[in-house]
PDB file of N, CA and C in Angstrom:
ATOM      1  N   MET A   1     -11.926  -1.704 -16.529  1.00  0.00           N
ATOM      2  CA  MET A   1     -10.748  -1.437 -15.410  1.00  0.00           C
ATOM      3  C   MET A   1      -9.603  -0.775 -16.038  1.00  0.00           C
ATOM      4  N   LYS A   2      -9.038   0.239 -15.281  1.00  0.00           N
ATOM      5  CA  LYS A   2      -8.151   0.979 -15.641  1.00  0.00           C
ATOM      6  C   LYS A   2      -6.773   0.542 -15.180  1.00  0.00           C
ATOM      7  N   ILE A   3      -6.054   0.173 -15.875  1.00  0.00           N
ATOM      8  CA  ILE A   3      -4.493  -0.299 -15.417  1.00  0.00           C
ATOM      9  C   ILE A   3      -3.410   0.340 -15.727  1.00  0.00           C
ATOM     10  N   GLU A   4      -2.422   0.755 -15.071  1.00  0.00           N
ATOM     11  CA  GLU A   4      -1.622   1.460 -15.068  1.00  0.00           C
ATOM     12  C   GLU A   4      -0.152   0.665 -14.557  1.00  0.00           C
ATOM     13  N   ILE A   5       0.664   0.542 -15.335  1.00  0.00           N
ATOM     14  CA  ILE A   5       1.665  -0.278 -15.267  1.00  0.00           C
ATOM     15  C   ILE A   5       2.996   0.712 -15.158  1.00  0.00           C
ATOM     16  N   GLN A   6       3.961   0.636 -13.953  1.00  0.00           N
ATOM     17  CA  GLN A   6       5.122   1.426 -13.888  1.00  0.00           C
ATOM     18  C   GLN A   6       6.233   0.871 -13.791  1.00  0.00           C
ATOM     19  N   SER A   7       7.279   0.608 -14.421  1.00  0.00           N
ATOM     20  CA  SER A   7       8.588   0.051 -14.295  1.00  0.00           C
ATOM     21  C   SER A   7       9.489   0.882 -13.773  1.00  0.00           C
ATOM     22  N   ILE A   8      10.156   0.615 -12.575  1.00  0.00           N
ATOM     23  CA  ILE A   8      10.996   1.494 -11.875  1.00  0.00           C
ATOM     24  C   ILE A   8      12.194   1.046 -12.065  1.00  0.00           C
ATOM     25  N   HIS A   9      12.828   2.219 -12.796  1.00  0.00           N
ATOM     26  CA  HIS A   9      14.588   2.005 -13.233  1.00  0.00           C
ATOM     27  C   HIS A   9      14.679   0.904 -14.071  1.00  0.00           C
ATOM     28  N   PHE A  10      13.529   0.549 -14.922  1.00  0.00           N
ATOM     29  CA  PHE A  10      13.963  -0.244 -15.982  1.00  0.00           C
ATOM     30  C   PHE A  10      13.071  -0.008 -17.066  1.00  0.00           C
ATOM     31  N   LYS A  11      13.200  -0.469 -18.120  1.00  0.00           N
ATOM     32  CA  LYS A  11      12.033  -0.361 -19.611  1.00  0.00           C
ATOM     33  C   LYS A  11      11.466  -1.773 -19.688  1.00  0.00           C
ATOM     34  N   ALA A  12      10.214  -1.986 -19.302  1.00  0.00           N
ATOM     35  CA  ALA A  12       9.532  -3.206 -19.426  1.00  0.00           C
ATOM     36  C   ALA A  12       9.267  -3.594 -20.984  1.00  0.00           C
ATOM     37  N   ASP A  13       9.395  -4.787 -21.447  1.00  0.00           N
ATOM     38  CA  ASP A  13       8.748  -4.744 -22.534  1.00  0.00           C
ATOM     39  C   ASP A  13       7.699  -5.263 -23.043  1.00  0.00           C
ATOM     40  N   GLN A  14       6.796  -5.127 -24.200  1.00  0.00           N
ATOM     41  CA  GLN A  14       5.597  -5.280 -24.431  1.00  0.00           C
ATOM     42  C   GLN A  14       5.075  -6.351 -23.953  1.00  0.00           C
ATOM     43  N   LYS A  15       5.813  -7.440 -24.116  1.00  0.00           N
ATOM     44  CA  LYS A  15       5.372  -9.091 -23.931  1.00  0.00           C
ATOM     45  C   LYS A  15       4.959  -8.809 -22.404  1.00  0.00           C
ATOM     46  N   LEU A  16       5.602  -8.244 -21.398  1.00  0.00           N
ATOM     47  CA  LEU A  16       5.745  -8.540 -19.849  1.00  0.00           C
ATOM     48  C   LEU A  16       4.236  -7.677 -19.382  1.00  0.00           C
ATOM     49  N   LEU A  17       4.222  -6.418 -20.083  1.00  0.00           N
ATOM     50  CA  LEU A  17       3.198  -5.576 -20.225  1.00  0.00           C
ATOM     51  C   LEU A  17       1.789  -6.229 -20.258  1.00  0.00           C
ATOM     52  N   ASP A  18       1.898  -6.955 -21.554  1.00  0.00           N
ATOM     53  CA  ASP A  18       0.407  -7.516 -22.009  1.00  0.00           C
ATOM     54  C   ASP A  18       0.513  -8.697 -20.856  1.00  0.00           C
ATOM     55  N   PHE A  19       1.236  -9.320 -20.839  1.00  0.00           N
ATOM     56  CA  PHE A  19       1.090 -10.272 -19.490  1.00  0.00           C
ATOM     57  C   PHE A  19       0.460  -9.983 -18.428  1.00  0.00           C
ATOM     58  N   ILE A  20       0.852  -8.893 -18.035  1.00  0.00           N
ATOM     59  CA  ILE A  20       0.473  -8.652 -16.436  1.00  0.00           C
ATOM     60  C   ILE A  20      -0.902  -7.819 -16.649  1.00  0.00           C
ATOM     61  N   LYS A  21      -1.191  -6.964 -17.807  1.00  0.00           N
ATOM     62  CA  LYS A  21      -2.580  -6.394 -18.133  1.00  0.00           C
ATOM     63  C   LYS A  21      -3.581  -7.733 -18.170  1.00  0.00           C
ATOM     64  N   SER A  22      -2.992  -8.583 -19.256  1.00  0.00           N
ATOM     65  CA  SER A  22      -4.424  -9.622 -19.241  1.00  0.00           C
ATOM     66  C   SER A  22      -4.570 -10.402 -17.706  1.00  0.00           C
ATOM     67  N   LYS A  23      -3.476 -10.859 -16.956  1.00  0.00           N
ATOM     68  CA  LYS A  23      -3.588 -11.793 -15.414  1.00  0.00           C
ATOM     69  C   LYS A  23      -4.739 -10.631 -14.668  1.00  0.00           C
ATOM     70  N   VAL A  24      -4.059  -9.115 -14.936  1.00  0.00           N
ATOM     71  CA  VAL A  24      -4.947  -8.219 -13.785  1.00  0.00           C
ATOM     72  C   VAL A  24      -6.314  -8.162 -14.090  1.00  0.00           C
ATOM     73  N   GLU A  25      -6.634  -8.080 -15.544  1.00  0.00           N
ATOM     74  CA  GLU A  25      -8.046  -8.118 -16.138  1.00  0.00           C
ATOM     75  C   GLU A  25      -9.022  -9.453 -15.537  1.00  0.00           C
ATOM     76  N   LYS A  26      -8.337 -10.495 -15.494  1.00  0.00           N
ATOM     77  CA  LYS A  26      -8.722 -11.792 -15.142  1.00  0.00           C
ATOM     78  C   LYS A  26      -9.571 -11.489 -13.413  1.00  0.00           C
ATOM     79  N   THR A  27      -9.070 -10.737 -12.773  1.00  0.00           N
ATOM     80  CA  THR A  27      -9.435 -10.734 -11.265  1.00  0.00           C
ATOM     81  C   THR A  27     -11.122 -10.115 -11.256  1.00  0.00           C
ATOM     82  N   GLN A  28     -11.431  -9.373 -12.286  1.00  0.00           N
ATOM     83  CA  GLN A  28     -12.688  -8.928 -12.772  1.00  0.00           C
ATOM     84  C   GLN A  28     -13.960 -10.325 -12.728  1.00  0.00           C
ATOM     85  N   THR A  29     -13.571 -11.259 -12.930  1.00  0.00           N
ATOM     86  CA  THR A  29     -14.169 -12.532 -12.946  1.00  0.00           C
ATOM     87  C   THR A  29     -14.701 -12.510 -11.757  1.00  0.00           C
ATOM     88  N   PHE A  30     -13.741 -12.530 -10.578  1.00  0.00           N
ATOM     89  CA  PHE A  30     -14.543 -12.782  -9.220  1.00  0.00           C
ATOM     90  C   PHE A  30     -15.217 -11.439  -8.582  1.00  0.00           C
ATOM     91  N   PHE A  31     -15.000 -10.590  -8.799  1.00  0.00           N
ATOM     92  CA  PHE A  31     -15.931  -9.388  -8.330  1.00  0.00           C
ATOM     93  C   PHE A  31     -15.603  -8.252  -9.318  1.00  0.00           C
ATOM     94  N   ASP A  32     -16.664  -7.747  -9.900  1.00  0.00           N
ATOM     95  CA  ASP A  32     -16.791  -6.822 -11.289  1.00  0.00           C
ATOM     96  C   ASP A  32     -16.743  -5.345 -10.226  1.00  0.00           C
ATOM     97  N   GLY A  33     -16.619  -5.138  -9.100  1.00  0.00           N
ATOM     98  CA  GLY A  33     -16.355  -4.179  -8.420  1.00  0.00           C
ATOM     99  C   GLY A  33     -15.058  -3.498  -8.337  1.00  0.00           C
ATOM    100  N   VAL A  34     -13.836  -4.230  -9.333  1.00  0.00           N
ATOM    101  CA  VAL A  34     -12.454  -3.651  -9.424  1.00  0.00           C
ATOM    102  C   VAL A  34     -12.248  -2.673 -10.203  1.00  0.00           C
ATOM    103  N   GLN A  35     -12.014  -1.444 -10.006  1.00  0.00           N
ATOM    104  CA  GLN A  35     -12.144  -0.197 -10.555  1.00  0.00           C
ATOM    105  C   GLN A  35     -10.926   0.368 -11.635  1.00  0.00           C
ATOM    106  N   HIS A  36      -9.974  -0.172 -10.663  1.00  0.00           N
ATOM    107  CA  HIS A  36      -8.588   0.457 -10.948  1.00  0.00           C
ATOM    108  C   HIS A  36      -7.256  -0.418 -10.545  1.00  0.00           C
ATOM    109  N   ALA A  37      -6.497  -0.265 -11.163  1.00  0.00           N
ATOM    110  CA  ALA A  37      -4.816  -1.103 -10.582  1.00  0.00           C
ATOM    111  C   ALA A  37      -3.910  -0.713 -11.012  1.00  0.00           C
ATOM    112  N   ASP A  38      -3.012  -0.252  -9.727  1.00  0.00           N
ATOM    113  CA  ASP A  38      -1.678   0.562 -10.100  1.00  0.00           C
ATOM    114  C   ASP A  38      -0.786  -0.835  -9.892  1.00  0.00           C
ATOM    115  N   VAL A  39       0.101  -1.017 -10.895  1.00  0.00           N
ATOM    116  CA  VAL A  39       1.108  -2.100 -11.038  1.00  0.00           C
ATOM    117  C   VAL A  39       2.446  -1.450 -10.675  1.00  0.00           C
ATOM    118  N   TYR A  40       3.398  -1.805 -10.035  1.00  0.00           N
ATOM    119  CA  TYR A  40       4.938  -1.421  -9.859  1.00  0.00           C
ATOM    120  C   TYR A  40       5.585  -2.172  -9.885  1.00  0.00           C
ATOM    121  N   LEU A  41       6.456  -2.392 -11.241  1.00  0.00           N
ATOM    122  CA  LEU A  41       7.419  -3.638 -11.545  1.00  0.00           C
ATOM    123  C   LEU A  41       8.979  -2.647 -11.011  1.00  0.00           C
ATOM    124  N   ARG A  42       9.810  -3.646  -9.964  1.00  0.00           N
ATOM    125  CA  ARG A  42      10.803  -2.885  -9.244  1.00  0.00           C
ATOM    126  C   ARG A  42      12.165  -4.210  -9.557  1.00  0.00           C
ATOM    127  N   LEU A  43      13.293  -3.833  -9.944  1.00  0.00           N
ATOM    128  CA  LEU A  43      14.281  -4.901  -9.809  1.00  0.00           C
ATOM    129  C   LEU A  43      15.044  -4.212  -8.415  1.00  0.00           C
ATOM    130  N   GLU A  44      15.294  -5.321  -7.565  1.00  0.00           N
ATOM    131  CA  GLU A  44      16.169  -4.839  -6.221  1.00  0.00           C
ATOM    132  C   GLU A  44      17.421  -4.860  -6.966  1.00  0.00           C
ATOM    133  N   LYS A  45      18.255  -4.184  -5.995  1.00  0.00           N
ATOM    134  CA  LYS A  45      19.906  -4.365  -5.999  1.00  0.00           C
ATOM    135  C   LYS A  45      20.495  -5.489  -5.698  1.00  0.00           C
ATOM    136  N   ASP A  46      19.831  -6.170  -4.690  1.00  0.00           N
ATOM    137  CA  ASP A  46      20.265  -7.422  -4.305  1.00  0.00           C
ATOM    138  C   ASP A  46      21.151  -8.514  -5.382  1.00  0.00           C
ATOM    139  N   LYS A  47      21.924  -9.071  -4.776  1.00  0.00           N
ATOM    140  CA  LYS A  47      22.774 -10.040  -5.758  1.00  0.00           C
ATOM    141  C   LYS A  47      21.791 -11.641  -5.664  1.00  0.00           C
ATOM    142  N   GLU A  48      20.873 -11.391  -5.062  1.00  0.00           N
ATOM    143  CA  GLU A  48      20.160 -12.591  -4.939  1.00  0.00           C
ATOM    144  C   GLU A  48      19.336 -12.895  -6.656  1.00  0.00           C
ATOM    145  N   ARG A  49      19.024 -14.075  -6.728  1.00  0.00           N
ATOM    146  CA  ARG A  49      18.443 -14.110  -7.870  1.00  0.00           C
ATOM    147  C   ARG A  49      16.957 -13.969  -7.878  1.00  0.00           C
ATOM    148  N   GLU A  50      16.344 -13.856  -6.794  1.00  0.00           N
ATOM    149  CA  GLU A  50      14.939 -13.333  -6.644  1.00  0.00           C
ATOM    150  C   GLU A  50      14.847 -11.959  -6.379  1.00  0.00           C
ATOM    151  N   ASN A  51      14.990 -11.084  -7.440  1.00  0.00           N
ATOM    152  CA  ASN A  51      15.304  -9.630  -7.247  1.00  0.00           C
ATOM    153  C   ASN A  51      14.154  -8.777  -7.764  1.00  0.00           C
ATOM    154  N   LYS A  52      13.298  -9.893  -8.539  1.00  0.00           N
ATOM    155  CA  LYS A  52      12.103  -9.089  -9.467  1.00  0.00           C
ATOM    156  C   LYS A  52      11.013  -9.061  -8.336  1.00  0.00           C
ATOM    157  N   VAL A  53      10.091  -7.436  -8.296  1.00  0.00           N
ATOM    158  CA  VAL A  53       9.227  -7.303  -7.062  1.00  0.00           C
ATOM    159  C   VAL A  53       7.880  -6.911  -7.768  1.00  0.00           C
ATOM    160  N   VAL A  54       7.125  -7.338  -7.688  1.00  0.00           N
ATOM    161  CA  VAL A  54       5.627  -6.646  -8.007  1.00  0.00           C
ATOM    162  C   VAL A  54       4.706  -6.453  -7.055  1.00  0.00           C
ATOM    163  N   GLU A  55       4.315  -5.169  -7.167  1.00  0.00           N
ATOM    164  CA  GLU A  55       3.459  -4.524  -6.243  1.00  0.00           C
ATOM    165  C   GLU A  55       2.021  -4.030  -6.872  1.00  0.00           C
ATOM    166  N   ILE A  56       1.127  -4.627  -6.619  1.00  0.00           N
ATOM    167  CA  ILE A  56      -0.279  -4.177  -7.041  1.00  0.00           C
ATOM    168  C   ILE A  56      -1.057  -3.362  -6.137  1.00  0.00           C
ATOM    169  N   LYS A  57      -1.548  -2.192  -6.292  1.00  0.00           N
ATOM    170  CA  LYS A  57      -2.785  -1.516  -5.829  1.00  0.00           C
ATOM    171  C   LYS A  57      -4.366  -1.623  -6.553  1.00  0.00           C
ATOM    172  N   MET A  58      -5.297  -2.337  -5.936  1.00  0.00           N
ATOM    173  CA  MET A  58      -6.412  -2.137  -6.704  1.00  0.00           C
ATOM    174  C   MET A  58      -7.520  -1.493  -5.811  1.00  0.00           C
ATOM    175  N   ASN A  59      -8.322  -0.286  -6.321  1.00  0.00           N
ATOM    176  CA  ASN A  59      -9.250   0.210  -5.946  1.00  0.00           C
ATOM    177  C   ASN A  59     -10.571  -0.783  -6.272  1.00  0.00           C
ATOM    178  N   VAL A  60     -10.602  -1.442  -5.213  1.00  0.00           N
ATOM    179  CA  VAL A  60     -12.295  -2.216  -5.102  1.00  0.00           C
ATOM    180  C   VAL A  60     -13.392  -2.122  -4.468  1.00  0.00           C
ATOM    181  N   ALA A  61     -14.453  -1.113  -5.184  1.00  0.00           N
ATOM    182  CA  ALA A  61     -15.774  -0.742  -4.733  1.00  0.00           C
ATOM    183  C   ALA A  61     -15.400   0.401  -3.829  1.00  0.00           C
ATOM    184  N   GLY A  62     -14.504   1.313  -3.862  1.00  0.00           N
ATOM    185  CA  GLY A  62     -13.804   2.441  -2.876  1.00  0.00           C
ATOM    186  C   GLY A  62     -12.890   1.673  -1.815  1.00  0.00           C
ATOM    187  N   ASN A  63     -12.652   0.790  -1.841  1.00  0.00           N
ATOM    188  CA  ASN A  63     -11.550   0.253  -0.871  1.00  0.00           C
ATOM    189  C   ASN A  63     -10.168  -0.517  -1.458  1.00  0.00           C
ATOM    190  N   PRO A  64      -9.135   0.081  -1.121  1.00  0.00           N
ATOM    191  CA  PRO A  64      -7.943  -0.592  -1.499  1.00  0.00           C
ATOM    192  C   PRO A  64      -7.498  -1.643  -1.042  1.00  0.00           C
ATOM    193  N   VAL A  65      -6.886  -2.524  -2.099  1.00  0.00           N
ATOM    194  CA  VAL A  65      -6.234  -3.768  -1.415  1.00  0.00           C
ATOM    195  C   VAL A  65      -4.713  -3.909  -2.263  1.00  0.00           C
ATOM    196  N   PHE A  66      -4.191  -4.290  -1.590  1.00  0.00           N
ATOM    197  CA  PHE A  66      -2.616  -4.427  -1.984  1.00  0.00           C
ATOM    198  C   PHE A  66      -1.909  -5.557  -1.631  1.00  0.00           C
ATOM    199  N   ALA A  67      -0.786  -6.102  -2.389  1.00  0.00           N
ATOM    200  CA  ALA A  67      -0.038  -6.924  -2.311  1.00  0.00           C
ATOM    201  C   ALA A  67       1.164  -6.787  -2.946  1.00  0.00           C
ATOM    202  N   LYS A  68       2.313  -7.319  -2.541  1.00  0.00           N
ATOM    203  CA  LYS A  68       3.466  -7.425  -2.909  1.00  0.00           C
ATOM    204  C   LYS A  68       4.210  -8.833  -3.128  1.00  0.00           C
ATOM    205  N   GLU A  69       4.837  -8.935  -3.836  1.00  0.00           N
ATOM    206  CA  GLU A  69       5.845 -10.501  -3.760  1.00  0.00           C
ATOM    207  C   GLU A  69       6.813 -10.310  -4.629  1.00  0.00           C
ATOM    208  N   GLN A  70       8.016 -11.146  -4.343  1.00  0.00           N
ATOM    209  CA  GLN A  70       9.206 -11.222  -4.852  1.00  0.00           C
ATOM    210  C   GLN A  70       9.886 -12.260  -5.417  1.00  0.00           C
ATOM    211  N   ASP A  71      10.245 -12.530  -6.761  1.00  0.00           N
ATOM    212  CA  ASP A  71      10.550 -13.776  -7.096  1.00  0.00           C
ATOM    213  C   ASP A  71      11.625 -13.877  -8.071  1.00  0.00           C
ATOM    214  N   ALA A  72      12.022 -14.577  -8.642  1.00  0.00           N
ATOM    215  CA  ALA A  72      13.001 -14.781 -10.062  1.00  0.00           C
ATOM    216  C   ALA A  72      12.647 -14.085 -11.010  1.00  0.00           C
ATOM    217  N   THR A  73      11.391 -14.424 -11.333  1.00  0.00           N
ATOM    218  CA  THR A  73      10.819 -13.547 -12.559  1.00  0.00           C
ATOM    219  C   THR A  73       9.408 -12.644 -12.424  1.00  0.00           C
ATOM    220  N   PHE A  74       9.374 -11.987 -13.243  1.00  0.00           N
ATOM    221  CA  PHE A  74       8.244 -10.936 -12.856  1.00  0.00           C
ATOM    222  C   PHE A  74       6.746 -11.794 -13.450  1.00  0.00           C
ATOM    223  N   GLU A  75       6.805 -12.581 -14.173  1.00  0.00           N
ATOM    224  CA  GLU A  75       5.825 -13.537 -14.459  1.00  0.00           C
ATOM    225  C   GLU A  75       5.094 -14.393 -13.178  1.00  0.00           C
ATOM    226  N   THR A  76       6.175 -14.962 -12.522  1.00  0.00           N
ATOM    227  CA  THR A  76       6.014 -15.691 -11.138  1.00  0.00           C
ATOM    228  C   THR A  76       5.546 -14.913 -10.179  1.00  0.00           C
ATOM    229  N   ALA A  77       6.319 -13.619  -9.857  1.00  0.00           N
ATOM    230  CA  ALA A  77       6.175 -12.889  -8.906  1.00  0.00           C
ATOM    231  C   ALA A  77       4.278 -12.297  -9.197  1.00  0.00           C
ATOM    232  N   THR A  78       4.169 -12.139 -10.345  1.00  0.00           N
ATOM    233  CA  THR A  78       2.428 -11.273 -10.827  1.00  0.00           C
ATOM    234  C   THR A  78       1.689 -12.425 -10.925  1.00  0.00           C
ATOM    235  N   ASP A  79       1.815 -13.810 -10.900  1.00  0.00           N
ATOM    236  CA  ASP A  79       1.016 -14.746 -10.517  1.00  0.00           C
ATOM    237  C   ASP A  79       0.654 -14.764  -8.886  1.00  0.00           C
ATOM    238  N   LEU A  80       1.955 -14.953  -8.320  1.00  0.00           N
ATOM    239  CA  LEU A  80       1.886 -14.860  -6.763  1.00  0.00           C
ATOM    240  C   LEU A  80       1.059 -13.677  -6.238  1.00  0.00           C
ATOM    241  N   VAL A  81       1.646 -12.488  -6.551  1.00  0.00           N
ATOM    242  CA  VAL A  81       0.729 -11.164  -6.265  1.00  0.00           C
ATOM    243  C   VAL A  81      -0.846 -11.411  -6.328  1.00  0.00           C
ATOM    244  N   LEU A  82      -1.304 -12.022  -7.809  1.00  0.00           N
ATOM    245  CA  LEU A  82      -2.912 -12.136  -7.971  1.00  0.00           C
ATOM    246  C   LEU A  82      -3.562 -13.025  -6.910  1.00  0.00           C
ATOM    247  N   ASP A  83      -2.796 -13.793  -6.607  1.00  0.00           N
ATOM    248  CA  ASP A  83      -3.092 -15.038  -5.937  1.00  0.00           C
ATOM    249  C   ASP A  83      -3.476 -14.270  -4.587  1.00  0.00           C
ATOM    250  N   LYS A  84      -2.794 -13.594  -3.964  1.00  0.00           N
ATOM    251  CA  LYS A  84      -3.272 -12.765  -2.653  1.00  0.00           C
ATOM    252  C   LYS A  84      -4.060 -12.124  -2.890  1.00  0.00           C
ATOM    253  N   LEU A  85      -4.052 -11.080  -4.038  1.00  0.00           N
ATOM    254  CA  LEU A  85      -4.897 -10.286  -4.179  1.00  0.00           C
ATOM    255  C   LEU A  85      -6.645 -10.900  -4.532  1.00  0.00           C
ATOM    256  N   VAL A  86      -6.661 -11.763  -5.163  1.00  0.00           N
ATOM    257  CA  VAL A  86      -7.881 -12.514  -5.450  1.00  0.00           C
ATOM    258  C   VAL A  86      -8.481 -13.153  -4.108  1.00  0.00           C
ATOM    259  N   ALA A  87      -7.548 -13.508  -3.435  1.00  0.00           N
ATOM    260  CA  ALA A  87      -8.011 -13.704  -1.708  1.00  0.00           C
ATOM    261  C   ALA A  87      -8.673 -12.514  -0.994  1.00  0.00           C
ATOM    262  N   GLN A  88      -7.795 -11.611  -1.013  1.00  0.00           N
ATOM    263  CA  GLN A  88      -8.570 -10.089  -0.602  1.00  0.00           C
ATOM    264  C   GLN A  88      -9.925  -9.928  -1.193  1.00  0.00           C
ATOM    265  N   ILE A  89     -10.057  -9.915  -2.517  1.00  0.00           N
ATOM    266  CA  ILE A  89     -11.251  -9.375  -3.127  1.00  0.00           C
ATOM    267  C   ILE A  89     -12.285 -10.397  -2.742  1.00  0.00           C
ATOM    268  N   LYS A  90     -12.090 -11.477  -3.020  1.00  0.00           N
ATOM    269  CA  LYS A  90     -13.068 -12.644  -2.480  1.00  0.00           C
ATOM    270  C   LYS A  90     -13.720 -12.450  -0.934  1.00  0.00           C
ATOM    271  N   LYS A  91     -12.683 -12.106   0.005  1.00  0.00           N
ATOM    272  CA  LYS A  91     -13.099 -11.639   1.176  1.00  0.00           C
ATOM    273  C   LYS A  91     -13.773 -10.340   1.456  1.00  0.00           C
ATOM    274  N   HIS A  92     -13.502  -9.622   0.718  1.00  0.00           N
ATOM    275  CA  HIS A  92     -14.311  -8.273   0.340  1.00  0.00           C
ATOM    276  C   HIS A  92     -15.496  -8.438  -0.013  1.00  0.00           C
ATOM    277  N   LYS A  93     -15.688  -9.156  -1.116  1.00  0.00           N
ATOM    278  CA  LYS A  93     -17.037  -9.349  -1.938  1.00  0.00           C
ATOM    279  C   LYS A  93     -17.853 -10.220  -0.736  1.00  0.00           C
ATOM    280  N   GLU A  94     -17.290 -11.373   0.356  1.00  0.00           N
ATOM    281  CA  GLU A  94     -18.099 -12.158   1.171  1.00  0.00           C
ATOM    282  C   GLU A  94     -18.680 -10.862   2.172  1.00  0.00           C
ATOM    283  N   LYS A  95     -17.514  -9.766   2.614  1.00  0.00           N
ATOM    284  CA  LYS A  95     -18.243  -8.833   3.448  1.00  0.00           C
ATOM    285  C   LYS A  95     -19.381  -8.379   2.917  1.00  0.00           C
ATOM    286  N   LEU A  96     -19.224  -7.896   1.713  1.00  0.00           N
ATOM    287  CA  LEU A  96     -20.461  -6.728   1.253  1.00  0.00           C
ATOM    288  C   LEU A  96     -21.631  -7.765   1.233  1.00  0.00           C
ATOM    289  N   GLN A  97     -21.668  -8.807   0.698  1.00  0.00           N
ATOM    290  CA  GLN A  97     -22.754  -9.819   0.934  1.00  0.00           C
ATOM    291  C   GLN A  97     -23.342 -10.312   2.090  1.00  0.00           C
ATOM    292  N   ALA A  98     -22.648 -10.011   2.924  1.00  0.00           N
ATOM    293  CA  ALA A  98     -23.118 -10.437   4.401  1.00  0.00           C
ATOM    294  C   ALA A  98     -23.827  -9.144   5.069  1.00  0.00           C
ATOM    295  N   LYS A  99     -23.323  -7.971   4.611  1.00  0.00           N
ATOM    296  CA  LYS A  99     -24.184  -6.655   4.957  1.00  0.00           C
ATOM    297  C   LYS A  99     -25.429  -6.655   4.342  1.00  0.00           C
ATOM    298  N   MET A 100     -25.683  -7.182   3.176  1.00  0.00           N
ATOM    299  CA  MET A 100     -26.959  -7.152   2.461  1.00  0.00           C
ATOM    300  C   MET A 100     -27.664  -8.122   2.867  1.00  0.00           C
TER     301      MET A 100
END
């Protein structure tokens, strides 16, 4: 799977990038049709503590799935986003199996 990570208006450290890549790669255990993932990391200018935003768009067997989460840390937001994406991937897989 090809994973592209973009940090918008800041420089993400290698530890964060490695964490996100390892988490995103684990989605292939649910469905091996995941071909590409675009990850966007952004800091909101809010004065709130939960200002880290993670957006992930995945290309799953030709169909895009997308999720977005905001939390106090990028790691937590990544986990929340991936929970949503895994649910979408499982649902997509079930639809494909039902057609067969």
